[in-house]
């Protein structure tokens, strides 16, 4: 999980109980209820990640969890590199 504290981003892993609680708190349940009222369609969630670690997390943890709630997750990796001046630039990996 990423948290913003004192102008810095801190990362920490959640155990299964913490993750379930976090997913429940930040779920799309209200939107899902509205979508289900309209019919049996599947919602789509597009996730942009920076690297293979994040991609693997989304695919192994979030995809199975959200699929049970009829949310299809599509992951795109955005690669970052440095330009001639040393600044980070981003491009989407195909």
Foldseek 3Di string as FASTA:
>chain_A
DWDQDPNDIDDDDDDPVVVVVVCVVPDPVVVLVVVVVVHDAAAEDEEEAADDVVVCCCVPPVQVVVVVSRYHYHYWHWYWDADPVRDIDTDTDD
